[in-house]
């Protein structure tokens, strides 16, 4: 990815995070930061945000290690291919909340791999888009 594309993806991510209820400081975020507002029910989809979320899911976020390369789940973690979910309702807001807070009693930690809040927005967008049939894993 060129430097200009990376800059554009970062800008879109920060803007999305701000629109979804975070302040600019939260949008740039640190691992474990708490959100004071509930997330929205559907993301603003763009190929750049979905692709960035996919890269984080399969890279830094380490999500694929438990949820599988195709989001199919397995013995460690549930499928993320929706529309039915084990612990949440499958809405975008619930997904973003789970990525931010994790799930007590499971291996799911908040901000997996130490991702930022902006990266959590990208991952939630990617997972939501796959679950809705709007993107491929």
N, C-alpha and C. Protein backbone atom coordinates (compact mmCIF):
# COMPACT_ATOMS: atom_id res chain seq x y z
N UNK A 1 0.86 -1.17 0.00
CA UNK A 1 0.00 0.00 0.00
C UNK A 1 0.90 1.23 0.00
N UNK A 2 0.57 2.17 -0.85
CA UNK A 2 1.37 3.38 -0.94
C UNK A 2 1.15 4.25 0.29
N UNK A 3 2.06 5.18 0.49
CA UNK A 3 1.96 6.08 1.64
C UNK A 3 0.68 6.90 1.56
N UNK A 4 0.30 7.32 0.36
CA UNK A 4 -0.93 8.11 0.21
C UNK A 4 -2.16 7.28 0.58
N UNK A 5 -2.21 6.03 0.14
CA UNK A 5 -3.33 5.16 0.49
C UNK A 5 -3.39 4.94 1.99
N UNK A 6 -2.24 4.71 2.63
CA UNK A 6 -2.21 4.51 4.08
C UNK A 6 -2.72 5.75 4.80
N UNK A 7 -2.33 6.91 4.31
CA UNK A 7 -2.78 8.17 4.90
C UNK A 7 -4.29 8.32 4.74
N UNK A 8 -4.82 8.00 3.56
CA UNK A 8 -6.26 8.09 3.33
C UNK A 8 -7.03 7.11 4.21
N UNK A 9 -6.54 5.89 4.34
CA UNK A 9 -7.20 4.90 5.20
C UNK A 9 -7.18 5.37 6.64
N UNK A 10 -6.07 5.91 7.08
CA UNK A 10 -5.99 6.42 8.46
C UNK A 10 -6.96 7.57 8.67
N UNK A 11 -7.05 8.46 7.70
CA UNK A 11 -7.97 9.59 7.81
C UNK A 11 -9.41 9.12 7.86
N UNK A 12 -9.78 8.20 6.98
CA UNK A 12 -11.15 7.67 6.98
C UNK A 12 -11.44 6.98 8.30
N UNK A 13 -10.48 6.23 8.82
CA UNK A 13 -10.66 5.53 10.08
C UNK A 13 -10.90 6.50 11.23
N UNK A 14 -10.10 7.53 11.30
CA UNK A 14 -10.26 8.52 12.38
C UNK A 14 -11.61 9.20 12.26
N UNK A 15 -12.00 9.55 11.05
CA UNK A 15 -13.30 10.19 10.85
C UNK A 15 -14.44 9.24 11.22
N UNK A 16 -14.33 7.97 10.84
CA UNK A 16 -15.35 6.99 11.21
C UNK A 16 -15.45 6.84 12.73
N UNK A 17 -14.31 6.75 13.37
CA UNK A 17 -14.32 6.60 14.82
C UNK A 17 -14.98 7.81 15.48
N UNK A 18 -14.70 9.00 14.96
CA UNK A 18 -15.32 10.21 15.52
C UNK A 18 -16.82 10.20 15.30
N UNK A 19 -17.25 9.79 14.12
CA UNK A 19 -18.68 9.73 13.81
C UNK A 19 -19.37 8.68 14.66
N UNK A 20 -18.69 7.61 14.97
CA UNK A 20 -19.29 6.51 15.73
C UNK A 20 -19.31 6.75 17.23
N UNK A 21 -18.98 7.94 17.67
CA UNK A 21 -19.16 8.27 19.07
C UNK A 21 -17.90 8.52 19.87
N UNK A 22 -16.73 8.36 19.28
CA UNK A 22 -15.52 8.62 20.03
C UNK A 22 -15.07 10.06 19.84
N UNK A 23 -14.31 10.58 20.77
CA UNK A 23 -13.69 11.88 20.59
C UNK A 23 -12.45 11.66 19.75
N UNK A 24 -11.79 12.71 19.33
CA UNK A 24 -10.60 12.51 18.52
C UNK A 24 -9.52 11.78 19.30
N UNK A 25 -9.45 12.00 20.59
CA UNK A 25 -8.47 11.27 21.39
C UNK A 25 -8.84 9.80 21.45
N UNK A 26 -10.12 9.49 21.58
CA UNK A 26 -10.54 8.10 21.61
C UNK A 26 -10.35 7.46 20.25
N UNK A 27 -10.56 8.22 19.18
CA UNK A 27 -10.42 7.68 17.84
C UNK A 27 -8.99 7.22 17.61
N UNK A 28 -8.02 7.98 18.13
CA UNK A 28 -6.64 7.57 18.00
C UNK A 28 -6.33 6.51 19.03
N UNK A 29 -7.03 6.57 20.14
CA UNK A 29 -7.14 5.57 21.19
C UNK A 29 -5.89 4.84 21.62
N UNK A 30 -6.03 4.24 22.78
CA UNK A 30 -5.03 3.33 23.28
C UNK A 30 -5.75 2.05 23.66
N UNK A 31 -5.03 0.94 23.72
CA UNK A 31 -5.64 -0.32 24.07
C UNK A 31 -6.32 -0.20 25.42
N UNK A 32 -7.54 -0.74 25.47
CA UNK A 32 -8.27 -0.75 26.73
C UNK A 32 -9.07 0.50 27.01
N UNK A 33 -9.04 1.48 26.12
CA UNK A 33 -9.80 2.71 26.36
C UNK A 33 -11.28 2.41 26.39
N UNK A 34 -12.01 3.04 27.29
CA UNK A 34 -13.45 2.82 27.41
C UNK A 34 -14.19 3.86 26.59
N UNK A 35 -15.31 3.46 26.01
CA UNK A 35 -16.16 4.36 25.27
C UNK A 35 -17.34 4.76 26.14
N UNK A 36 -17.70 6.04 26.15
CA UNK A 36 -18.80 6.50 26.97
C UNK A 36 -20.13 6.43 26.25
N UNK A 37 -20.12 6.35 24.92
CA UNK A 37 -21.36 6.28 24.17
C UNK A 37 -21.49 4.92 23.53
N UNK A 38 -22.74 4.48 23.35
CA UNK A 38 -22.99 3.22 22.67
C UNK A 38 -22.67 3.39 21.19
N UNK A 39 -22.09 2.37 20.56
CA UNK A 39 -21.79 2.46 19.15
C UNK A 39 -23.06 2.41 18.32
N UNK A 40 -22.97 2.86 17.08
CA UNK A 40 -24.11 2.85 16.18
C UNK A 40 -24.41 1.44 15.71
N UNK A 41 -25.53 1.29 15.03
CA UNK A 41 -25.98 -0.03 14.60
C UNK A 41 -25.47 -0.46 13.24
N UNK A 42 -24.96 0.43 12.43
CA UNK A 42 -24.39 0.01 11.16
C UNK A 42 -23.21 0.92 10.81
N UNK A 43 -22.18 0.32 10.23
CA UNK A 43 -20.98 1.10 9.91
C UNK A 43 -21.13 1.83 8.59
N UNK A 44 -20.27 2.80 8.39
CA UNK A 44 -20.14 3.45 7.09
C UNK A 44 -19.15 2.60 6.30
N UNK A 45 -19.65 1.86 5.34
CA UNK A 45 -18.81 0.91 4.62
C UNK A 45 -18.02 1.58 3.51
N UNK A 46 -16.78 1.19 3.39
CA UNK A 46 -15.95 1.56 2.24
C UNK A 46 -14.95 0.43 2.05
N UNK A 47 -14.54 0.23 0.81
CA UNK A 47 -13.58 -0.83 0.53
C UNK A 47 -12.30 -0.64 1.33
N UNK A 48 -11.87 0.62 1.51
CA UNK A 48 -10.62 0.88 2.22
C UNK A 48 -10.73 0.48 3.69
N UNK A 49 -11.86 0.79 4.33
CA UNK A 49 -12.02 0.45 5.74
C UNK A 49 -12.16 -1.06 5.90
N UNK A 50 -12.92 -1.71 5.02
CA UNK A 50 -13.07 -3.17 5.08
C UNK A 50 -11.71 -3.83 4.87
N UNK A 51 -10.95 -3.39 3.88
CA UNK A 51 -9.63 -3.97 3.63
C UNK A 51 -8.68 -3.76 4.80
N UNK A 52 -8.74 -2.57 5.40
CA UNK A 52 -7.90 -2.31 6.57
C UNK A 52 -8.32 -3.22 7.73
N UNK A 53 -9.61 -3.39 7.94
CA UNK A 53 -10.10 -4.29 8.99
C UNK A 53 -9.69 -5.73 8.75
N UNK A 54 -9.75 -6.15 7.49
CA UNK A 54 -9.33 -7.50 7.13
C UNK A 54 -7.84 -7.69 7.47
N UNK A 55 -7.02 -6.71 7.12
CA UNK A 55 -5.58 -6.81 7.39
C UNK A 55 -5.31 -6.87 8.89
N UNK A 56 -6.03 -6.11 9.67
CA UNK A 56 -5.84 -6.13 11.13
C UNK A 56 -6.34 -7.45 11.70
N UNK A 57 -7.50 -7.93 11.25
CA UNK A 57 -8.06 -9.20 11.71
C UNK A 57 -7.06 -10.33 11.50
N UNK A 58 -6.43 -10.35 10.33
CA UNK A 58 -5.50 -11.43 9.99
C UNK A 58 -4.06 -11.12 10.39
N UNK A 59 -3.83 -9.95 10.97
CA UNK A 59 -2.48 -9.56 11.36
C UNK A 59 -2.40 -9.14 12.81
N UNK A 60 -2.17 -7.86 13.03
CA UNK A 60 -1.93 -7.30 14.36
C UNK A 60 -2.97 -7.68 15.40
N UNK A 61 -4.25 -7.71 15.00
CA UNK A 61 -5.32 -8.02 15.95
C UNK A 61 -5.36 -9.46 16.40
N UNK A 62 -4.68 -10.32 15.68
CA UNK A 62 -4.57 -11.76 16.00
C UNK A 62 -5.93 -12.47 16.06
N UNK A 63 -6.97 -11.88 15.53
CA UNK A 63 -8.33 -12.44 15.60
C UNK A 63 -8.43 -13.79 14.90
N UNK A 64 -7.76 -13.92 13.76
CA UNK A 64 -7.84 -15.14 12.97
C UNK A 64 -7.33 -16.36 13.72
N UNK A 65 -6.45 -16.15 14.69
CA UNK A 65 -5.88 -17.29 15.43
C UNK A 65 -6.96 -18.09 16.14
N UNK A 66 -8.00 -17.43 16.60
CA UNK A 66 -9.10 -18.12 17.30
C UNK A 66 -10.35 -18.26 16.44
N UNK A 67 -10.65 -17.24 15.65
CA UNK A 67 -11.89 -17.23 14.87
C UNK A 67 -11.73 -17.82 13.47
N UNK A 68 -10.49 -18.13 13.07
CA UNK A 68 -10.24 -18.79 11.79
C UNK A 68 -10.00 -17.82 10.65
N UNK A 69 -9.30 -18.32 9.65
CA UNK A 69 -8.96 -17.49 8.49
C UNK A 69 -10.18 -17.06 7.69
N UNK A 70 -11.25 -17.86 7.73
CA UNK A 70 -12.48 -17.52 7.03
C UNK A 70 -13.58 -17.11 7.98
N UNK A 71 -13.23 -16.75 9.22
CA UNK A 71 -14.16 -16.33 10.27
C UNK A 71 -15.12 -17.46 10.62
N UNK A 72 -14.70 -18.71 10.37
CA UNK A 72 -15.56 -19.87 10.56
C UNK A 72 -15.64 -20.34 12.01
N UNK A 73 -14.76 -19.84 12.87
CA UNK A 73 -14.75 -20.27 14.26
C UNK A 73 -14.13 -21.65 14.39
N UNK A 74 -14.23 -22.20 15.59
CA UNK A 74 -13.67 -23.52 15.86
C UNK A 74 -13.83 -23.85 17.32
N UNK A 75 -12.93 -24.67 17.83
CA UNK A 75 -13.04 -25.12 19.22
C UNK A 75 -12.72 -24.01 20.22
N UNK A 76 -11.97 -23.00 19.81
CA UNK A 76 -11.57 -21.93 20.73
C UNK A 76 -12.58 -20.79 20.74
N UNK A 77 -13.09 -20.43 19.57
CA UNK A 77 -13.94 -19.24 19.45
C UNK A 77 -15.06 -19.48 18.43
N UNK A 78 -16.16 -18.76 18.58
CA UNK A 78 -17.30 -18.97 17.68
C UNK A 78 -17.07 -18.38 16.28
N UNK A 79 -17.91 -18.82 15.35
CA UNK A 79 -17.93 -18.27 14.01
C UNK A 79 -18.34 -16.81 14.07
N UNK A 80 -17.79 -16.02 13.17
CA UNK A 80 -18.16 -14.60 13.06
C UNK A 80 -18.89 -14.34 11.75
N UNK A 81 -19.45 -15.38 11.16
CA UNK A 81 -20.08 -15.25 9.86
C UNK A 81 -21.56 -14.93 9.96
N UNK A 82 -22.12 -14.84 11.16
CA UNK A 82 -23.49 -14.40 11.38
C UNK A 82 -24.50 -15.14 10.51
N UNK A 83 -25.76 -14.85 10.62
CA UNK A 83 -26.38 -13.79 11.42
C UNK A 83 -26.60 -14.17 12.88
N UNK A 84 -26.46 -15.46 13.23
CA UNK A 84 -26.64 -15.85 14.63
C UNK A 84 -25.29 -15.87 15.33
N UNK A 85 -25.31 -15.38 16.58
CA UNK A 85 -24.08 -15.25 17.34
C UNK A 85 -24.25 -15.93 18.69
N UNK A 86 -23.15 -16.36 19.26
CA UNK A 86 -23.20 -17.08 20.53
C UNK A 86 -23.50 -16.16 21.71
N UNK A 87 -22.82 -15.04 21.83
CA UNK A 87 -22.94 -14.19 23.02
C UNK A 87 -23.52 -12.81 22.76
N UNK A 88 -23.67 -12.42 21.49
CA UNK A 88 -24.18 -11.07 21.17
C UNK A 88 -25.23 -11.20 20.07
N UNK A 89 -25.91 -10.10 19.78
CA UNK A 89 -26.99 -10.13 18.79
C UNK A 89 -26.52 -10.02 17.34
N UNK A 90 -25.24 -9.80 17.08
CA UNK A 90 -24.73 -9.72 15.72
C UNK A 90 -24.83 -8.34 15.10
N UNK A 91 -25.30 -7.36 15.85
CA UNK A 91 -25.34 -6.00 15.32
C UNK A 91 -23.93 -5.42 15.29
N UNK A 92 -23.76 -4.41 14.46
CA UNK A 92 -22.46 -3.75 14.39
C UNK A 92 -22.05 -3.19 15.75
N UNK A 93 -22.99 -2.56 16.42
CA UNK A 93 -22.71 -1.97 17.74
C UNK A 93 -22.23 -3.01 18.74
N UNK A 94 -22.87 -4.17 18.74
CA UNK A 94 -22.47 -5.23 19.66
C UNK A 94 -21.09 -5.77 19.32
N UNK A 95 -20.79 -5.86 18.02
CA UNK A 95 -19.46 -6.33 17.61
C UNK A 95 -18.38 -5.35 18.05
N UNK A 96 -18.63 -4.08 17.81
CA UNK A 96 -17.64 -3.08 18.20
C UNK A 96 -17.45 -3.07 19.71
N UNK A 97 -18.53 -3.19 20.45
CA UNK A 97 -18.45 -3.25 21.90
C UNK A 97 -17.64 -4.46 22.37
N UNK A 98 -17.84 -5.62 21.73
CA UNK A 98 -17.10 -6.83 22.11
C UNK A 98 -15.62 -6.68 21.81
N UNK A 99 -15.28 -6.07 20.68
CA UNK A 99 -13.87 -5.85 20.35
C UNK A 99 -13.24 -4.90 21.36
N UNK A 100 -13.99 -3.90 21.79
CA UNK A 100 -13.46 -2.94 22.75
C UNK A 100 -13.35 -3.52 24.16
N UNK A 101 -14.30 -4.31 24.58
CA UNK A 101 -14.36 -4.77 25.98
C UNK A 101 -13.98 -6.22 26.20
N UNK A 102 -14.00 -7.04 25.16
CA UNK A 102 -13.72 -8.46 25.32
C UNK A 102 -14.91 -9.18 25.94
N UNK A 103 -14.69 -10.42 26.38
CA UNK A 103 -15.74 -11.22 27.01
C UNK A 103 -15.13 -11.95 28.20
N UNK A 104 -15.57 -11.57 29.40
CA UNK A 104 -15.08 -12.24 30.61
C UNK A 104 -15.32 -13.74 30.53
N UNK A 105 -14.38 -14.50 31.03
CA UNK A 105 -14.50 -15.95 31.07
C UNK A 105 -14.13 -16.63 29.76
N UNK A 106 -13.67 -15.84 28.79
CA UNK A 106 -13.24 -16.41 27.50
C UNK A 106 -11.85 -15.87 27.18
N UNK A 107 -11.31 -16.33 26.07
CA UNK A 107 -10.02 -15.83 25.62
C UNK A 107 -10.13 -14.48 24.91
N UNK A 108 -11.37 -14.03 24.67
CA UNK A 108 -11.58 -12.75 23.98
C UNK A 108 -11.27 -11.60 24.91
N UNK A 109 -10.21 -10.87 24.56
CA UNK A 109 -9.81 -9.70 25.34
C UNK A 109 -10.19 -8.43 24.59
N UNK A 110 -10.34 -7.35 25.31
CA UNK A 110 -10.60 -6.07 24.68
C UNK A 110 -9.37 -5.60 23.92
N UNK A 111 -9.59 -4.99 22.79
CA UNK A 111 -8.51 -4.48 21.94
C UNK A 111 -7.44 -5.56 21.71
N UNK A 112 -7.84 -6.69 21.10
CA UNK A 112 -6.90 -7.80 20.91
C UNK A 112 -5.65 -7.39 20.15
N UNK A 113 -4.54 -7.92 20.56
CA UNK A 113 -3.27 -7.59 19.91
C UNK A 113 -2.82 -6.17 20.17
N UNK A 114 -3.51 -5.47 21.10
CA UNK A 114 -3.15 -4.09 21.40
C UNK A 114 -3.57 -3.10 20.32
N UNK A 115 -4.60 -3.45 19.55
CA UNK A 115 -5.05 -2.54 18.49
C UNK A 115 -5.64 -1.27 19.10
N UNK A 116 -5.65 -0.22 18.32
CA UNK A 116 -6.20 1.07 18.75
C UNK A 116 -7.72 1.06 18.58
N UNK A 117 -8.37 2.09 19.07
CA UNK A 117 -9.82 2.19 18.89
C UNK A 117 -10.17 2.35 17.42
N UNK A 118 -9.40 3.12 16.69
CA UNK A 118 -9.64 3.28 15.25
C UNK A 118 -9.53 1.93 14.54
N UNK A 119 -8.57 1.12 14.93
CA UNK A 119 -8.42 -0.21 14.34
C UNK A 119 -9.57 -1.12 14.75
N UNK A 120 -10.08 -0.97 15.97
CA UNK A 120 -11.25 -1.74 16.41
C UNK A 120 -12.45 -1.42 15.52
N UNK A 121 -12.62 -0.16 15.15
CA UNK A 121 -13.70 0.25 14.24
C UNK A 121 -13.53 -0.44 12.89
N UNK A 122 -12.31 -0.50 12.40
CA UNK A 122 -12.05 -1.15 11.11
C UNK A 122 -12.35 -2.64 11.18
N UNK A 123 -11.93 -3.31 12.25
CA UNK A 123 -12.18 -4.74 12.40
C UNK A 123 -13.69 -5.00 12.50
N UNK A 124 -14.38 -4.22 13.31
CA UNK A 124 -15.83 -4.39 13.44
C UNK A 124 -16.52 -4.19 12.10
N UNK A 125 -16.07 -3.22 11.33
CA UNK A 125 -16.65 -2.97 10.00
C UNK A 125 -16.44 -4.17 9.10
N UNK A 126 -15.23 -4.71 9.10
CA UNK A 126 -14.91 -5.89 8.29
C UNK A 126 -15.76 -7.09 8.70
N UNK A 127 -15.80 -7.40 9.99
CA UNK A 127 -16.56 -8.57 10.47
C UNK A 127 -18.05 -8.38 10.17
N UNK A 128 -18.58 -7.19 10.41
CA UNK A 128 -19.99 -6.92 10.13
C UNK A 128 -20.28 -7.11 8.64
N UNK A 129 -19.40 -6.58 7.79
CA UNK A 129 -19.60 -6.68 6.34
C UNK A 129 -19.58 -8.15 5.89
N UNK A 130 -18.69 -8.96 6.44
CA UNK A 130 -18.65 -10.38 6.09
C UNK A 130 -19.93 -11.06 6.56
N UNK A 131 -20.34 -10.79 7.80
CA UNK A 131 -21.55 -11.40 8.33
C UNK A 131 -22.81 -11.04 7.57
N UNK A 132 -22.80 -9.87 6.94
CA UNK A 132 -23.96 -9.40 6.17
C UNK A 132 -23.85 -9.77 4.69
N UNK A 133 -22.79 -10.49 4.33
CA UNK A 133 -22.61 -10.87 2.94
C UNK A 133 -22.17 -9.74 2.03
N UNK A 134 -21.64 -8.67 2.62
CA UNK A 134 -21.21 -7.51 1.85
C UNK A 134 -19.71 -7.53 1.55
N UNK A 135 -19.00 -8.49 2.12
CA UNK A 135 -17.56 -8.64 1.88
C UNK A 135 -17.19 -10.10 2.06
N UNK A 136 -16.09 -10.48 1.45
CA UNK A 136 -15.58 -11.84 1.61
C UNK A 136 -14.52 -11.86 2.70
N UNK A 137 -14.39 -13.01 3.38
CA UNK A 137 -13.36 -13.10 4.42
C UNK A 137 -11.99 -12.93 3.91
